[in-house]
């Protein structure tokens, strides 16, 4: 039995080596939104905001984000030199944090507008950061899946706030914390 297991592992390892660039790209894309604090905060915020809005927005807002982010990623792959990308990402943390704190006081059309603008910046940054060894399609699939999973986490967090007595206050505090972190990111970019 052990020799069959060793043979199987040997065959699998050759297959993995043959597809190393695809796996590297997928893994890099999958973990990029998690490892970048600015991306992580924005993605969680999108999920929480969509839950606060409710109804179809729970899946439409995150889906819009992922689709427009993929478009931004494709443009980021093909071009370079877009100014203000990191500022746009930090601003997304501010606006989404404010929206959480105010329990989605922003109207749905404004949320969609912000989500489209900010997701383009996030996607563009992802597209610019594709590792050299990675295949672009696997990286794009990875960062889209990673983003969608973080949105789902945000929806789950939003649902938890609703279930507890002081959930509204906790959500408000979290929103202001995200807003403050976004402001800190912007101030750091400005050297302040």
N, C-alpha and C. Protein backbone atom coordinates (compact mmCIF):
# COMPACT_ATOMS: atom_id res chain seq x y z
N UNK A 1 0.83 -1.20 0.00
CA UNK A 1 0.00 0.00 0.00
C UNK A 1 0.86 1.26 0.00
N UNK A 2 1.96 1.22 0.78
CA UNK A 2 2.82 2.39 0.88
C UNK A 2 3.48 2.71 -0.46
N UNK A 3 3.86 1.65 -1.22
CA UNK A 3 4.51 1.96 -2.50
C UNK A 3 3.54 2.57 -3.49
N UNK A 4 2.26 2.21 -3.42
CA UNK A 4 1.27 2.85 -4.30
C UNK A 4 1.07 4.32 -3.93
N UNK A 5 1.07 4.59 -2.63
CA UNK A 5 0.95 5.95 -2.16
C UNK A 5 2.15 6.79 -2.62
N UNK A 6 3.34 6.23 -2.52
CA UNK A 6 4.55 6.94 -2.97
C UNK A 6 4.49 7.18 -4.48
N UNK A 7 4.04 6.18 -5.23
CA UNK A 7 3.92 6.33 -6.68
C UNK A 7 2.91 7.43 -7.03
N UNK A 8 1.79 7.42 -6.33
CA UNK A 8 0.76 8.44 -6.55
C UNK A 8 1.29 9.84 -6.24
N UNK A 9 1.97 9.97 -5.12
CA UNK A 9 2.53 11.27 -4.74
C UNK A 9 3.58 11.74 -5.76
N UNK A 10 4.37 10.79 -6.28
CA UNK A 10 5.38 11.14 -7.29
C UNK A 10 4.71 11.64 -8.56
N UNK A 11 3.66 10.97 -9.00
CA UNK A 11 2.95 11.39 -10.20
C UNK A 11 2.28 12.75 -10.01
N UNK A 12 1.69 12.94 -8.84
CA UNK A 12 1.05 14.22 -8.55
C UNK A 12 2.08 15.34 -8.51
N UNK A 13 3.25 15.06 -7.95
CA UNK A 13 4.27 16.11 -7.87
C UNK A 13 4.74 16.52 -9.26
N UNK A 14 4.85 15.58 -10.22
CA UNK A 14 5.22 15.94 -11.58
C UNK A 14 4.14 16.81 -12.22
N UNK A 15 2.88 16.46 -11.95
CA UNK A 15 1.77 17.24 -12.49
C UNK A 15 1.79 18.66 -11.92
N UNK A 16 2.08 18.76 -10.63
CA UNK A 16 2.14 20.07 -10.00
C UNK A 16 3.28 20.88 -10.59
N UNK A 17 4.44 20.27 -10.81
CA UNK A 17 5.57 20.99 -11.40
C UNK A 17 5.24 21.47 -12.80
N UNK A 18 4.52 20.67 -13.55
CA UNK A 18 4.17 21.04 -14.92
C UNK A 18 3.23 22.24 -14.95
N UNK A 19 2.46 22.42 -13.89
CA UNK A 19 1.49 23.52 -13.84
C UNK A 19 1.85 24.53 -12.77
N UNK A 20 3.14 24.63 -12.46
CA UNK A 20 3.57 25.48 -11.35
C UNK A 20 3.18 26.94 -11.57
N UNK A 21 3.34 27.44 -12.80
CA UNK A 21 3.02 28.85 -13.02
C UNK A 21 1.53 29.11 -12.86
N UNK A 22 0.68 28.14 -13.27
CA UNK A 22 -0.76 28.31 -13.08
C UNK A 22 -1.12 28.30 -11.61
N UNK A 23 -0.52 27.35 -10.87
CA UNK A 23 -0.80 27.28 -9.43
C UNK A 23 -0.28 28.51 -8.71
N UNK A 24 0.91 28.97 -9.09
CA UNK A 24 1.47 30.16 -8.48
C UNK A 24 0.55 31.35 -8.73
N UNK A 25 0.08 31.47 -9.97
CA UNK A 25 -0.81 32.58 -10.30
C UNK A 25 -2.11 32.52 -9.53
N UNK A 26 -2.72 31.34 -9.47
CA UNK A 26 -3.98 31.20 -8.76
C UNK A 26 -3.80 31.51 -7.28
N UNK A 27 -2.77 30.91 -6.67
CA UNK A 27 -2.52 31.14 -5.25
C UNK A 27 -2.21 32.61 -4.97
N UNK A 28 -1.39 33.21 -5.80
CA UNK A 28 -1.06 34.63 -5.61
C UNK A 28 -2.30 35.49 -5.72
N UNK A 29 -3.13 35.21 -6.72
CA UNK A 29 -4.36 35.97 -6.89
C UNK A 29 -5.33 35.76 -5.75
N UNK A 30 -5.44 34.51 -5.30
CA UNK A 30 -6.36 34.18 -4.21
C UNK A 30 -5.98 34.89 -2.92
N UNK A 31 -4.70 34.94 -2.63
CA UNK A 31 -4.27 35.50 -1.35
C UNK A 31 -3.98 37.00 -1.39
N UNK A 32 -3.87 37.56 -2.59
CA UNK A 32 -3.56 39.00 -2.66
C UNK A 32 -4.60 39.85 -1.95
N UNK A 33 -5.90 39.64 -2.14
CA UNK A 33 -6.88 40.47 -1.42
C UNK A 33 -6.84 40.26 0.08
N UNK A 34 -6.37 39.10 0.53
CA UNK A 34 -6.33 38.80 1.96
C UNK A 34 -5.10 39.44 2.60
N UNK A 35 -3.98 39.43 1.88
CA UNK A 35 -2.72 39.90 2.46
C UNK A 35 -2.55 41.41 2.42
N UNK A 36 -3.27 42.07 1.55
CA UNK A 36 -3.21 43.54 1.51
C UNK A 36 -4.31 44.10 2.40
N UNK A 37 -3.93 44.79 3.47
CA UNK A 37 -4.92 45.29 4.43
C UNK A 37 -5.94 46.20 3.76
N UNK A 38 -5.49 47.06 2.85
CA UNK A 38 -6.43 47.96 2.18
C UNK A 38 -7.47 47.19 1.38
N UNK A 39 -7.03 46.15 0.68
CA UNK A 39 -7.97 45.33 -0.09
C UNK A 39 -8.90 44.56 0.85
N UNK A 40 -8.34 43.98 1.88
CA UNK A 40 -9.14 43.18 2.83
C UNK A 40 -10.25 44.03 3.46
N UNK A 41 -9.90 45.22 3.93
CA UNK A 41 -10.90 46.09 4.58
C UNK A 41 -12.01 46.48 3.60
N UNK A 42 -11.62 46.80 2.37
CA UNK A 42 -12.63 47.19 1.38
C UNK A 42 -13.54 46.03 1.04
N UNK A 43 -12.98 44.83 0.87
CA UNK A 43 -13.79 43.67 0.49
C UNK A 43 -14.77 43.27 1.60
N UNK A 44 -14.29 43.27 2.84
CA UNK A 44 -15.18 42.98 3.96
C UNK A 44 -16.28 44.03 4.03
N UNK A 45 -15.90 45.29 3.82
CA UNK A 45 -16.87 46.38 3.88
C UNK A 45 -17.97 46.22 2.84
N UNK A 46 -17.59 45.81 1.64
CA UNK A 46 -18.59 45.61 0.58
C UNK A 46 -19.62 44.58 1.03
N UNK A 47 -19.17 43.51 1.63
CA UNK A 47 -20.10 42.48 2.12
C UNK A 47 -21.01 43.00 3.22
N UNK A 48 -20.43 43.74 4.17
CA UNK A 48 -21.24 44.28 5.27
C UNK A 48 -22.27 45.29 4.74
N UNK A 49 -21.83 46.20 3.88
CA UNK A 49 -22.73 47.20 3.32
C UNK A 49 -23.86 46.53 2.54
N UNK A 50 -23.52 45.52 1.75
CA UNK A 50 -24.56 44.85 0.97
C UNK A 50 -25.57 44.17 1.89
N UNK A 51 -25.10 43.64 3.01
CA UNK A 51 -26.04 43.03 3.96
C UNK A 51 -26.91 44.11 4.61
N UNK A 52 -26.31 45.25 4.94
CA UNK A 52 -27.08 46.33 5.56
C UNK A 52 -28.19 46.84 4.62
N UNK A 53 -27.89 46.89 3.34
CA UNK A 53 -28.89 47.33 2.36
C UNK A 53 -29.99 46.28 2.26
N UNK A 54 -29.59 45.02 2.21
CA UNK A 54 -30.54 43.91 2.18
C UNK A 54 -31.08 43.57 0.81
N UNK A 55 -32.05 42.69 0.80
CA UNK A 55 -32.71 42.22 -0.42
C UNK A 55 -31.69 41.73 -1.46
N UNK A 56 -31.90 42.12 -2.70
CA UNK A 56 -31.03 41.67 -3.79
C UNK A 56 -29.63 42.26 -3.72
N UNK A 57 -29.48 43.37 -3.00
CA UNK A 57 -28.17 44.00 -2.89
C UNK A 57 -27.15 43.08 -2.23
N UNK A 58 -27.63 42.13 -1.43
CA UNK A 58 -26.72 41.20 -0.75
C UNK A 58 -25.85 40.45 -1.76
N UNK A 59 -26.39 40.15 -2.90
CA UNK A 59 -25.55 39.47 -3.91
C UNK A 59 -25.22 40.37 -5.09
N UNK A 60 -26.06 41.39 -5.38
CA UNK A 60 -25.79 42.26 -6.53
C UNK A 60 -24.60 43.20 -6.31
N UNK A 61 -24.49 43.78 -5.13
CA UNK A 61 -23.38 44.71 -4.86
C UNK A 61 -22.04 43.97 -4.94
N UNK A 62 -21.86 42.85 -4.23
CA UNK A 62 -20.59 42.14 -4.36
C UNK A 62 -20.32 41.62 -5.77
N UNK A 63 -21.37 41.15 -6.45
CA UNK A 63 -21.19 40.66 -7.83
C UNK A 63 -20.73 41.78 -8.75
N UNK A 64 -21.31 42.96 -8.58
CA UNK A 64 -20.90 44.12 -9.37
C UNK A 64 -19.43 44.43 -9.10
N UNK A 65 -19.05 44.37 -7.84
CA UNK A 65 -17.66 44.65 -7.47
C UNK A 65 -16.72 43.67 -8.17
N UNK A 66 -17.03 42.38 -8.11
CA UNK A 66 -16.15 41.36 -8.70
C UNK A 66 -16.06 41.53 -10.23
N UNK A 67 -17.18 41.80 -10.88
CA UNK A 67 -17.18 41.94 -12.34
C UNK A 67 -16.38 43.16 -12.78
N UNK A 68 -16.64 44.32 -12.15
CA UNK A 68 -15.91 45.53 -12.53
C UNK A 68 -14.43 45.39 -12.15
N UNK A 69 -14.15 44.72 -11.03
CA UNK A 69 -12.77 44.49 -10.63
C UNK A 69 -12.03 43.67 -11.68
N UNK A 70 -12.69 42.67 -12.25
CA UNK A 70 -12.07 41.85 -13.30
C UNK A 70 -11.76 42.71 -14.53
N UNK A 71 -12.67 43.62 -14.87
CA UNK A 71 -12.42 44.54 -15.99
C UNK A 71 -11.21 45.43 -15.68
N UNK A 72 -11.18 45.97 -14.47
CA UNK A 72 -10.03 46.78 -14.05
C UNK A 72 -8.74 45.98 -14.08
N UNK A 73 -8.82 44.70 -13.67
CA UNK A 73 -7.64 43.83 -13.70
C UNK A 73 -7.14 43.60 -15.11
N UNK A 74 -8.06 43.40 -16.04
CA UNK A 74 -7.68 43.19 -17.44
C UNK A 74 -7.01 44.45 -18.00
N UNK A 75 -7.55 45.61 -17.65
CA UNK A 75 -6.95 46.87 -18.11
C UNK A 75 -5.59 47.08 -17.44
N UNK A 76 -5.49 46.70 -16.17
CA UNK A 76 -4.22 46.79 -15.47
C UNK A 76 -3.15 45.90 -16.07
N UNK A 77 -3.57 44.75 -16.58
CA UNK A 77 -2.64 43.83 -17.27
C UNK A 77 -2.13 44.45 -18.56
N UNK A 78 -3.01 45.13 -19.26
CA UNK A 78 -2.70 45.62 -20.60
C UNK A 78 -2.02 46.99 -20.61
N UNK A 79 -2.21 47.78 -19.57
CA UNK A 79 -1.69 49.14 -19.56
C UNK A 79 -0.95 49.43 -18.27
N UNK A 80 -0.34 50.58 -18.23
CA UNK A 80 0.28 51.03 -16.99
C UNK A 80 0.21 52.55 -16.94
N UNK A 81 0.42 53.08 -15.76
CA UNK A 81 0.49 54.53 -15.65
C UNK A 81 -0.75 55.22 -15.14
N UNK A 82 -1.79 54.48 -14.75
CA UNK A 82 -2.98 55.13 -14.20
C UNK A 82 -2.62 55.73 -12.85
N UNK A 83 -2.83 57.01 -12.71
CA UNK A 83 -2.48 57.70 -11.47
C UNK A 83 -3.60 57.59 -10.45
N UNK A 84 -3.22 57.62 -9.19
CA UNK A 84 -4.19 57.68 -8.12
C UNK A 84 -4.82 56.35 -7.73
N UNK A 85 -4.26 55.24 -8.19
CA UNK A 85 -4.86 53.93 -7.90
C UNK A 85 -4.85 53.66 -6.40
N UNK A 86 -3.70 53.84 -5.76
CA UNK A 86 -3.62 53.56 -4.32
C UNK A 86 -4.48 54.54 -3.52
N UNK A 87 -4.56 55.77 -3.99
CA UNK A 87 -5.44 56.75 -3.34
C UNK A 87 -6.90 56.30 -3.46
N UNK A 88 -7.29 55.82 -4.64
CA UNK A 88 -8.65 55.33 -4.86
C UNK A 88 -8.98 54.14 -3.97
N UNK A 89 -7.99 53.28 -3.78
CA UNK A 89 -8.20 52.11 -2.90
C UNK A 89 -8.37 52.56 -1.45
N UNK A 90 -7.52 53.47 -1.00
CA UNK A 90 -7.64 53.98 0.38
C UNK A 90 -8.95 54.73 0.56
N UNK A 91 -9.34 55.49 -0.45
CA UNK A 91 -10.61 56.21 -0.38
C UNK A 91 -11.79 55.24 -0.30
N UNK A 92 -11.67 54.09 -0.96
CA UNK A 92 -12.74 53.09 -0.89
C UNK A 92 -12.93 52.60 0.54
N UNK A 93 -11.82 52.44 1.28
CA UNK A 93 -11.91 52.02 2.68
C UNK A 93 -12.63 53.10 3.49
N UNK A 94 -12.33 54.36 3.21
CA UNK A 94 -12.99 55.47 3.93
C UNK A 94 -14.49 55.50 3.66
N UNK A 95 -14.86 55.51 2.39
CA UNK A 95 -16.27 55.64 2.01
C UNK A 95 -17.08 54.44 2.48
N UNK A 96 -16.54 53.25 2.29
CA UNK A 96 -17.27 52.04 2.71
C UNK A 96 -17.35 51.95 4.24
N UNK A 97 -16.27 52.35 4.92
CA UNK A 97 -16.30 52.38 6.39
C UNK A 97 -17.36 53.36 6.89
N UNK A 98 -17.43 54.54 6.26
CA UNK A 98 -18.45 55.53 6.62
C UNK A 98 -19.85 54.97 6.39
N UNK A 99 -20.01 54.27 5.28
CA UNK A 99 -21.32 53.69 4.96
C UNK A 99 -21.74 52.65 6.00
N UNK A 100 -20.77 51.84 6.46
CA UNK A 100 -21.08 50.86 7.52
C UNK A 100 -21.48 51.60 8.79
N UNK A 101 -20.70 52.61 9.16
CA UNK A 101 -20.95 53.36 10.40
C UNK A 101 -22.33 54.02 10.39
N UNK A 102 -22.72 54.48 9.24
CA UNK A 102 -24.02 55.14 9.11
C UNK A 102 -25.11 54.16 8.68
N UNK A 103 -24.82 52.89 8.75
CA UNK A 103 -25.77 51.83 8.40
C UNK A 103 -26.35 52.04 7.00
N UNK A 104 -25.44 52.20 6.05
CA UNK A 104 -25.78 52.34 4.63
C UNK A 104 -26.73 53.51 4.39
N UNK A 105 -26.37 54.65 4.96
CA UNK A 105 -27.17 55.85 4.72
C UNK A 105 -27.09 56.27 3.25
N UNK A 106 -26.01 55.87 2.58
CA UNK A 106 -25.87 56.20 1.17
C UNK A 106 -26.93 55.44 0.37
N UNK A 107 -27.53 56.11 -0.57
CA UNK A 107 -28.57 55.50 -1.39
C UNK A 107 -27.96 54.45 -2.32
N UNK A 108 -28.76 53.48 -2.69
CA UNK A 108 -28.28 52.36 -3.50
C UNK A 108 -27.59 52.80 -4.79
N UNK A 109 -28.11 53.77 -5.55
CA UNK A 109 -27.38 54.18 -6.75
C UNK A 109 -25.97 54.72 -6.44
N UNK A 110 -25.83 55.43 -5.30
CA UNK A 110 -24.51 55.92 -4.91
C UNK A 110 -23.59 54.76 -4.54
N UNK A 111 -24.14 53.78 -3.85
CA UNK A 111 -23.33 52.60 -3.49
C UNK A 111 -22.82 51.93 -4.76
N UNK A 112 -23.70 51.74 -5.75
CA UNK A 112 -23.26 51.11 -7.00
C UNK A 112 -22.20 51.96 -7.71
N UNK A 113 -22.38 53.27 -7.71
CA UNK A 113 -21.39 54.15 -8.33
C UNK A 113 -20.04 54.00 -7.64
N UNK A 114 -20.05 54.08 -6.30
CA UNK A 114 -18.80 53.94 -5.55
C UNK A 114 -18.19 52.57 -5.75
N UNK A 115 -19.02 51.54 -5.71
CA UNK A 115 -18.51 50.18 -5.88
C UNK A 115 -17.86 50.02 -7.26
N UNK A 116 -18.48 50.57 -8.29
CA UNK A 116 -17.89 50.47 -9.64
C UNK A 116 -16.57 51.21 -9.73
N UNK A 117 -16.51 52.42 -9.19
CA UNK A 117 -15.27 53.19 -9.25
C UNK A 117 -14.18 52.50 -8.44
N UNK A 118 -14.51 52.15 -7.20
CA UNK A 118 -13.50 51.59 -6.32
C UNK A 118 -13.05 50.20 -6.77
N UNK A 119 -13.98 49.39 -7.25
CA UNK A 119 -13.60 48.04 -7.70
C UNK A 119 -12.69 48.12 -8.92
N UNK A 120 -12.88 49.13 -9.76
CA UNK A 120 -11.97 49.31 -10.89
C UNK A 120 -10.54 49.55 -10.39
N UNK A 121 -10.40 50.43 -9.38
CA UNK A 121 -9.07 50.69 -8.81
C UNK A 121 -8.46 49.42 -8.20
N UNK A 122 -9.27 48.67 -7.46
CA UNK A 122 -8.76 47.43 -6.86
C UNK A 122 -8.32 46.46 -7.95
N UNK A 123 -9.14 46.31 -8.97
CA UNK A 123 -8.81 45.39 -10.06
C UNK A 123 -7.57 45.84 -10.82
N UNK A 124 -7.48 47.13 -11.09
CA UNK A 124 -6.32 47.67 -11.80
C UNK A 124 -5.04 47.35 -11.02
N UNK A 125 -5.09 47.56 -9.70
CA UNK A 125 -3.92 47.26 -8.86
C UNK A 125 -3.58 45.78 -8.93
N UNK A 126 -4.59 44.92 -8.89
CA UNK A 126 -4.34 43.48 -9.00
C UNK A 126 -3.68 43.16 -10.34
N UNK A 127 -4.20 43.74 -11.41
CA UNK A 127 -3.66 43.50 -12.74
C UNK A 127 -2.22 43.94 -12.87
N UNK A 128 -1.86 45.04 -12.22
CA UNK A 128 -0.50 45.55 -12.26
C UNK A 128 0.47 44.68 -11.44
N UNK A 129 -0.05 43.93 -10.48
CA UNK A 129 0.80 43.19 -9.55
C UNK A 129 0.92 41.71 -9.85
N UNK A 130 0.54 41.30 -11.04
CA UNK A 130 0.64 39.88 -11.37
C UNK A 130 2.11 39.46 -11.37
N UNK A 131 2.42 38.42 -10.60
CA UNK A 131 3.81 37.96 -10.57
C UNK A 131 4.29 37.52 -11.96
N UNK A 132 5.58 37.71 -12.21
CA UNK A 132 6.14 37.37 -13.52
C UNK A 132 5.95 35.92 -13.90
N UNK A 133 6.07 35.02 -12.92
CA UNK A 133 5.96 33.59 -13.22
C UNK A 133 4.53 33.11 -13.37
N UNK A 134 3.59 33.95 -12.99
CA UNK A 134 2.19 33.53 -12.98
C UNK A 134 1.56 33.68 -14.35
N UNK A 135 0.64 32.79 -14.65
CA UNK A 135 -0.16 32.98 -15.85
C UNK A 135 -1.29 33.93 -15.48
N UNK A 136 -1.58 34.86 -16.35
CA UNK A 136 -2.53 35.92 -16.01
C UNK A 136 -3.93 35.40 -15.75
N UNK A 137 -4.40 34.42 -16.54
CA UNK A 137 -5.77 33.94 -16.34
C UNK A 137 -5.94 33.30 -14.98
N UNK A 138 -4.94 32.55 -14.51
CA UNK A 138 -5.09 31.88 -13.21
C UNK A 138 -5.03 32.90 -12.07
N UNK A 139 -4.23 33.94 -12.23
CA UNK A 139 -4.16 35.00 -11.23
C UNK A 139 -5.50 35.73 -11.13
N UNK A 140 -6.09 36.06 -12.28
CA UNK A 140 -7.37 36.75 -12.32
C UNK A 140 -8.46 35.90 -11.65
N UNK A 141 -8.50 34.62 -11.98
CA UNK A 141 -9.47 33.72 -11.35
C UNK A 141 -9.24 33.69 -9.84
N UNK A 142 -7.98 33.65 -9.44
CA UNK A 142 -7.66 33.62 -8.00
C UNK A 142 -8.10 34.88 -7.29
N UNK A 143 -7.81 36.06 -7.85
CA UNK A 143 -8.21 37.26 -7.12
C UNK A 143 -9.70 37.50 -7.17
N UNK A 144 -10.37 37.02 -8.20
CA UNK A 144 -11.84 37.12 -8.23
C UNK A 144 -12.46 36.22 -7.16
N UNK A 145 -11.96 34.99 -7.07
CA UNK A 145 -12.47 34.06 -6.06
C UNK A 145 -12.15 34.55 -4.65
N UNK A 146 -10.91 35.01 -4.44
CA UNK A 146 -10.53 35.54 -3.13
C UNK A 146 -11.41 36.70 -2.71
N UNK A 147 -11.67 37.59 -3.65
CA UNK A 147 -12.53 38.75 -3.37
C UNK A 147 -13.95 38.31 -3.04
N UNK A 148 -14.49 37.38 -3.82
CA UNK A 148 -15.86 36.90 -3.58
C UNK A 148 -15.96 36.25 -2.20
N UNK A 149 -14.95 35.48 -1.82
CA UNK A 149 -14.97 34.84 -0.50
C UNK A 149 -14.93 35.87 0.63
N UNK A 150 -14.15 36.93 0.44
CA UNK A 150 -14.11 37.97 1.46
C UNK A 150 -15.43 38.73 1.52
N UNK A 151 -16.07 38.94 0.37
CA UNK A 151 -17.40 39.55 0.37
C UNK A 151 -18.38 38.69 1.17
N UNK A 152 -18.31 37.39 0.97
CA UNK A 152 -19.19 36.48 1.71
C UNK A 152 -18.92 36.58 3.21
N UNK A 153 -17.64 36.68 3.58
CA UNK A 153 -17.29 36.88 4.99
C UNK A 153 -17.92 38.17 5.51
N UNK A 154 -17.87 39.24 4.71
CA UNK A 154 -18.49 40.51 5.11
C UNK A 154 -19.99 40.39 5.29
N UNK A 155 -20.65 39.67 4.40
CA UNK A 155 -22.10 39.44 4.54
C UNK A 155 -22.37 38.69 5.83
N UNK A 156 -21.55 37.69 6.12
CA UNK A 156 -21.71 36.92 7.36
C UNK A 156 -21.53 37.82 8.58
N UNK A 157 -20.52 38.68 8.55
CA UNK A 157 -20.29 39.61 9.66
C UNK A 157 -21.50 40.54 9.80
N UNK A 158 -22.00 41.04 8.69
CA UNK A 158 -23.18 41.90 8.73
C UNK A 158 -24.38 41.20 9.35
N UNK A 159 -24.54 39.91 9.05
CA UNK A 159 -25.66 39.16 9.62
C UNK A 159 -25.49 38.96 11.12
N UNK A 160 -24.25 38.84 11.57
CA UNK A 160 -23.99 38.69 13.01
C UNK A 160 -24.39 39.96 13.75
N UNK A 161 -24.05 41.12 13.18
CA UNK A 161 -24.41 42.39 13.82
C UNK A 161 -25.90 42.49 14.06
N UNK A 162 -26.67 42.00 13.11
CA UNK A 162 -28.12 42.10 13.20
C UNK A 162 -28.70 41.22 14.31
N UNK A 163 -28.01 40.16 14.66
CA UNK A 163 -28.56 39.18 15.60
C UNK A 163 -28.34 39.53 17.07
N UNK A 164 -27.44 40.46 17.34
CA UNK A 164 -27.09 40.73 18.74
C UNK A 164 -27.58 42.10 19.18
N UNK A 165 -27.83 42.18 20.48
CA UNK A 165 -28.42 43.37 21.07
C UNK A 165 -27.62 44.64 20.75
N UNK A 166 -26.32 44.57 20.86
CA UNK A 166 -25.48 45.74 20.62
C UNK A 166 -24.78 45.67 19.27
N UNK A 167 -25.33 44.88 18.38
CA UNK A 167 -24.73 44.71 17.06
C UNK A 167 -24.64 45.99 16.27
N UNK A 168 -25.66 46.85 16.38
CA UNK A 168 -25.64 48.12 15.65
C UNK A 168 -24.47 48.98 16.12
N UNK A 169 -24.25 49.04 17.43
CA UNK A 169 -23.15 49.85 17.98
C UNK A 169 -21.80 49.28 17.55
N UNK A 170 -21.69 47.95 17.53
CA UNK A 170 -20.43 47.32 17.11
C UNK A 170 -20.17 47.60 15.63
N UNK A 171 -21.22 47.51 14.82
CA UNK A 171 -21.08 47.80 13.39
C UNK A 171 -20.65 49.25 13.19
N UNK A 172 -21.26 50.14 13.94
CA UNK A 172 -20.92 51.56 13.85
C UNK A 172 -19.45 51.78 14.21
N UNK A 173 -19.01 51.17 15.30
CA UNK A 173 -17.62 51.30 15.74
C UNK A 173 -16.67 50.71 14.69
N UNK A 174 -17.04 49.57 14.11
CA UNK A 174 -16.21 48.96 13.08
C UNK A 174 -16.12 49.85 11.85
N UNK A 175 -17.25 50.42 11.46
CA UNK A 175 -17.26 51.33 10.32
C UNK A 175 -16.36 52.53 10.53
N UNK A 176 -16.44 53.13 11.70
CA UNK A 176 -15.58 54.28 12.00
C UNK A 176 -14.10 53.86 12.09
N UNK A 177 -13.86 52.65 12.56
CA UNK A 177 -12.49 52.13 12.59
C UNK A 177 -11.95 52.00 11.17
N UNK A 178 -12.74 51.42 10.27
CA UNK A 178 -12.33 51.29 8.87
C UNK A 178 -12.11 52.68 8.26
N UNK A 179 -13.02 53.60 8.54
CA UNK A 179 -12.87 54.96 8.04
C UNK A 179 -11.55 55.56 8.52
N UNK A 180 -11.27 55.41 9.80
CA UNK A 180 -10.01 55.93 10.36
C UNK A 180 -8.79 55.28 9.73
N UNK A 181 -8.86 53.99 9.47
CA UNK A 181 -7.74 53.30 8.84
C UNK A 181 -7.54 53.80 7.41
N UNK A 182 -8.64 54.05 6.71
CA UNK A 182 -8.55 54.61 5.36
C UNK A 182 -7.94 55.99 5.36
N UNK A 183 -8.34 56.82 6.31
CA UNK A 183 -7.76 58.17 6.44
C UNK A 183 -6.27 58.06 6.74
N UNK A 184 -5.90 57.14 7.61
CA UNK A 184 -4.47 56.92 7.92
C UNK A 184 -3.69 56.52 6.66
N UNK A 185 -4.28 55.66 5.84
CA UNK A 185 -3.62 55.25 4.60
C UNK A 185 -3.40 56.45 3.68
N UNK A 186 -4.42 57.30 3.57
CA UNK A 186 -4.31 58.48 2.71
C UNK A 186 -3.25 59.44 3.25
N UNK A 187 -3.27 59.67 4.56
CA UNK A 187 -2.27 60.56 5.17
C UNK A 187 -0.86 60.01 5.00
N UNK A 188 -0.72 58.69 5.09
CA UNK A 188 0.61 58.07 4.88
C UNK A 188 1.09 58.28 3.45
N UNK A 189 0.17 58.18 2.48
CA UNK A 189 0.55 58.42 1.08
C UNK A 189 1.00 59.86 0.86
N UNK A 190 0.40 60.76 1.60
CA UNK A 190 0.74 62.17 1.48
C UNK A 190 1.97 62.54 2.31
N UNK A 191 2.50 61.56 3.04
CA UNK A 191 3.69 61.79 3.84
C UNK A 191 3.42 62.54 5.13
N UNK A 192 2.19 62.49 5.59
CA UNK A 192 1.82 63.19 6.82
C UNK A 192 1.74 62.25 8.01
